[in-house]
């Protein structure tokens, strides 16, 4: 590790061992940084009565007789959902004091999923993701179908020609799999293709 600009190091004589920098905390971009960030964040949340889900450690929950608050973490992004506005306000103040957070307001876009607010609830969709996918695979002007795979069709690994670029196929199936978060009607087809 090189000494950061603006920091001077004491000079060493040629007979003594060279000096090294001791890392006091993890730096953003290091492999250990996300683990250290998660440990510090979860410790702060535990101190406020939040527990992490046993199914997904990036989901924290705080339940009380009158309310439930959900907190989802992805790298350094946090989504809060609640039925108790006062707890959300207190949590935001607490997190700001601990980590200097920035409140971006209502959620509109997260990990390729767009959020629209409606009087009867919210709508999650991936329209931009779908358009990008269609453009990437040159399918923008292909006609639409309701069910893209006949349910009676049986696919076999040993029938047909091998794909010239199997990595492209795997990438497409991976992207289609991600699309099933908001399009569960594609699950059957994507499962067959994968």
Protein backbone atom coordinates (compact mmCIF):
# COMPACT_ATOMS: atom_id res chain seq x y z
CA UNK A 1 0.00 0.00 0.00
CA UNK A 2 1.36 3.42 -0.90
CA UNK A 3 1.19 6.28 1.56
CA UNK A 4 -1.81 8.52 0.71
CA UNK A 5 -1.06 11.99 -0.69
CA UNK A 6 -0.59 14.62 2.02
CA UNK A 7 0.73 12.14 4.60
CA UNK A 8 4.44 12.17 5.31
CA UNK A 9 6.31 9.11 6.52
CA UNK A 10 9.28 9.23 8.85
CA UNK A 11 12.55 8.50 7.07
CA UNK A 12 14.18 5.14 7.68
CA UNK A 13 17.85 4.31 7.80
CA UNK A 14 19.16 1.75 5.35
CA UNK A 15 19.95 -0.72 8.17
CA UNK A 16 16.41 -0.83 9.59
CA UNK A 17 13.45 -2.65 8.07
CA UNK A 18 11.22 -0.61 5.75
CA UNK A 19 8.09 0.88 7.28
CA UNK A 20 4.62 -0.34 6.36
CA UNK A 21 1.16 1.22 6.67
CA UNK A 22 -1.22 -0.45 9.09
CA UNK A 23 -4.81 -0.42 7.82
CA UNK A 24 -7.05 0.81 10.66
CA UNK A 25 -10.34 0.31 8.79
CA UNK A 26 -11.47 -1.26 5.55
CA UNK A 27 -11.53 0.91 2.47
CA UNK A 28 -14.28 1.05 -0.12
CA UNK A 29 -13.41 -1.26 -3.00
CA UNK A 30 -11.48 -3.85 -1.01
CA UNK A 31 -12.81 -7.39 -0.82
CA UNK A 32 -13.29 -7.06 2.93
CA UNK A 33 -15.05 -3.69 2.73
CA UNK A 34 -18.57 -5.04 2.19
CA UNK A 35 -18.23 -7.50 5.07
CA UNK A 36 -16.98 -4.74 7.38
CA UNK A 37 -19.78 -2.41 6.28
CA UNK A 38 -22.42 -5.10 6.84
CA UNK A 39 -21.00 -5.91 10.29
CA UNK A 40 -21.05 -2.26 11.35
CA UNK A 41 -24.54 -1.64 9.91
CA UNK A 42 -26.04 -4.79 11.43
CA UNK A 43 -24.50 -3.98 14.83
CA UNK A 44 -26.10 -0.52 14.68
CA UNK A 45 -29.47 -2.00 13.66
CA UNK A 46 -29.32 -4.69 16.36
CA UNK A 47 -28.81 -1.93 18.93
CA UNK A 48 -32.15 -0.42 17.81
CA UNK A 49 -34.03 -3.72 18.14
CA UNK A 50 -33.88 -4.92 14.52
CA UNK A 51 -33.25 -8.57 13.73
CA UNK A 52 -32.12 -10.00 10.40
CA UNK A 53 -34.18 -12.53 8.55
CA UNK A 54 -32.92 -16.10 8.78
CA UNK A 55 -33.79 -16.59 5.11
CA UNK A 56 -32.14 -13.44 3.76
CA UNK A 57 -29.50 -11.71 5.86
CA UNK A 58 -29.91 -8.50 3.88
CA UNK A 59 -33.45 -8.07 5.30
CA UNK A 60 -33.90 -6.60 8.76
CA UNK A 61 -37.21 -6.44 10.63
CA UNK A 62 -38.43 -4.65 13.73
CA UNK A 63 -41.84 -5.69 15.01
CA UNK A 64 -43.82 -4.17 17.81
CA UNK A 65 -47.47 -4.68 18.78
CA UNK A 66 -48.46 -1.59 16.81
CA UNK A 67 -46.09 -1.64 13.80
CA UNK A 68 -43.64 -3.45 11.58
CA UNK A 69 -40.63 -1.91 9.85
CA UNK A 70 -38.64 -3.63 7.08
CA UNK A 71 -35.15 -2.60 6.03
CA UNK A 72 -33.49 -4.18 2.98
CA UNK A 73 -29.78 -3.69 2.30
CA UNK A 74 -27.98 -4.11 -1.01
CA UNK A 75 -24.28 -3.16 -0.84
CA UNK A 76 -24.58 0.45 0.40
CA UNK A 77 -28.22 1.08 -0.57
CA UNK A 78 -31.02 0.77 1.97
CA UNK A 79 -34.76 0.51 1.36
CA UNK A 80 -37.15 1.19 4.22
CA UNK A 81 -40.78 0.08 4.32
CA UNK A 82 -43.07 0.71 7.24
CA UNK A 83 -46.43 1.20 8.76
CA UNK A 84 -44.93 3.37 11.51
CA UNK A 85 -43.75 6.74 10.19
CA UNK A 86 -42.27 7.85 13.53
CA UNK A 87 -39.98 4.79 13.67
CA UNK A 88 -38.80 5.48 10.12
CA UNK A 89 -37.99 9.09 10.99
CA UNK A 90 -36.12 8.01 14.13
CA UNK A 91 -34.24 5.33 12.20
CA UNK A 92 -33.23 7.79 9.46
CA UNK A 93 -31.91 10.21 12.09
CA UNK A 94 -30.03 7.40 13.83
CA UNK A 95 -28.47 6.13 10.58
CA UNK A 96 -27.54 9.67 9.55
CA UNK A 97 -25.78 10.22 12.89
CA UNK A 98 -23.94 6.90 12.52
CA UNK A 99 -23.13 6.87 8.80
CA UNK A 100 -24.05 10.28 7.27
CA UNK A 101 -26.70 8.86 4.93
CA UNK A 102 -28.53 10.61 2.13
CA UNK A 103 -32.33 10.25 2.00
CA UNK A 104 -33.37 9.92 -1.66
CA UNK A 105 -37.10 10.06 -0.90
CA UNK A 106 -39.63 7.65 -2.35
CA UNK A 107 -38.27 4.60 -4.11
CA UNK A 108 -38.57 4.83 -7.90
CA UNK A 109 -35.87 2.49 -9.22
CA UNK A 110 -33.85 -0.27 -7.56
CA UNK A 111 -31.71 -2.98 -9.15
CA UNK A 112 -33.49 -2.74 -12.49
CA UNK A 113 -36.96 -2.78 -10.94
CA UNK A 114 -39.06 0.35 -11.37
CA UNK A 115 -41.68 1.37 -8.80
CA UNK A 116 -44.88 3.24 -9.70
CA UNK A 117 -47.21 4.52 -6.98
CA UNK A 118 -50.95 4.15 -7.47
CA UNK A 119 -53.89 4.97 -5.22
CA UNK A 120 -54.53 1.25 -4.65
CA UNK A 121 -50.89 0.31 -4.04
CA UNK A 122 -47.60 0.09 -5.89
CA UNK A 123 -46.68 -1.46 -9.22
CA UNK A 124 -43.29 -3.08 -9.76
CA UNK A 125 -42.13 -3.42 -13.35
CA UNK A 126 -38.98 -3.80 -15.44
CA UNK A 127 -39.95 -1.96 -18.61
CA UNK A 128 -36.53 -0.34 -19.09
CA UNK A 129 -34.79 -3.66 -18.40
CA UNK A 130 -37.03 -5.41 -20.96
CA UNK A 131 -36.42 -2.74 -23.61
CA UNK A 132 -32.66 -2.95 -23.06
CA UNK A 133 -32.82 -6.74 -23.27
CA UNK A 134 -34.81 -6.66 -26.52
CA UNK A 135 -32.37 -4.16 -28.02
CA UNK A 136 -29.30 -6.15 -26.91
CA UNK A 137 -30.59 -9.35 -28.53
CA UNK A 138 -31.97 -7.58 -31.63
CA UNK A 139 -35.60 -8.45 -30.87
CA UNK A 140 -37.12 -4.96 -30.75
CA UNK A 141 -39.31 -5.56 -33.79
CA UNK A 142 -40.28 -9.18 -33.08
CA UNK A 143 -44.01 -9.76 -32.66
CA UNK A 144 -45.37 -10.46 -29.19
CA UNK A 145 -46.70 -13.82 -28.00
CA UNK A 146 -48.70 -14.61 -24.87
CA UNK A 147 -46.86 -17.84 -23.99
CA UNK A 148 -43.42 -17.94 -25.62
CA UNK A 149 -43.04 -21.72 -25.09
CA UNK A 150 -45.58 -24.43 -25.76
CA UNK A 151 -46.15 -26.26 -22.45
CA UNK A 152 -46.17 -29.65 -24.19
CA UNK A 153 -42.73 -29.06 -25.76
CA UNK A 154 -39.95 -31.27 -24.41
CA UNK A 155 -36.41 -29.96 -24.78
CA UNK A 156 -33.52 -32.42 -24.97
CA UNK A 157 -29.83 -31.65 -24.47
CA UNK A 158 -28.68 -34.15 -27.13
CA UNK A 159 -31.03 -33.01 -29.93
CA UNK A 160 -30.12 -30.23 -32.38
CA UNK A 161 -26.97 -28.33 -33.19
CA UNK A 162 -24.65 -27.02 -30.50
CA UNK A 163 -24.78 -23.28 -29.95
CA UNK A 164 -21.79 -21.44 -31.43
CA UNK A 165 -21.63 -19.09 -28.42
CA UNK A 166 -23.05 -20.85 -25.33
CA UNK A 167 -21.97 -17.96 -23.07
CA UNK A 168 -24.41 -15.64 -24.87
CA UNK A 169 -27.21 -18.15 -24.28
CA UNK A 170 -26.34 -18.46 -20.58
CA UNK A 171 -26.26 -14.68 -20.25
CA UNK A 172 -29.70 -14.40 -21.87
CA UNK A 173 -31.20 -17.08 -19.60
CA UNK A 174 -29.68 -15.33 -16.57
CA UNK A 175 -31.29 -12.03 -17.61
CA UNK A 176 -34.62 -13.73 -18.29
CA UNK A 177 -34.41 -15.34 -14.87
CA UNK A 178 -33.97 -11.89 -13.31
CA UNK A 179 -37.01 -10.73 -15.28
CA UNK A 180 -39.21 -13.31 -13.51
CA UNK A 181 -39.19 -11.09 -10.38
CA UNK A 182 -41.89 -8.96 -11.98
CA UNK A 183 -43.01 -11.40 -14.68
CA UNK A 184 -43.84 -14.69 -12.94
CA UNK A 185 -45.71 -15.74 -16.11
CA UNK A 186 -42.27 -16.36 -17.68
CA UNK A 187 -41.10 -18.76 -14.95
CA UNK A 188 -42.11 -21.94 -16.80
CA UNK A 189 -40.35 -20.87 -20.00
CA UNK A 190 -37.20 -19.65 -18.26
CA UNK A 191 -37.02 -22.83 -16.16
CA UNK A 192 -37.15 -24.91 -19.34
CA UNK A 193 -34.52 -22.82 -21.08
CA UNK A 194 -32.18 -23.00 -18.11
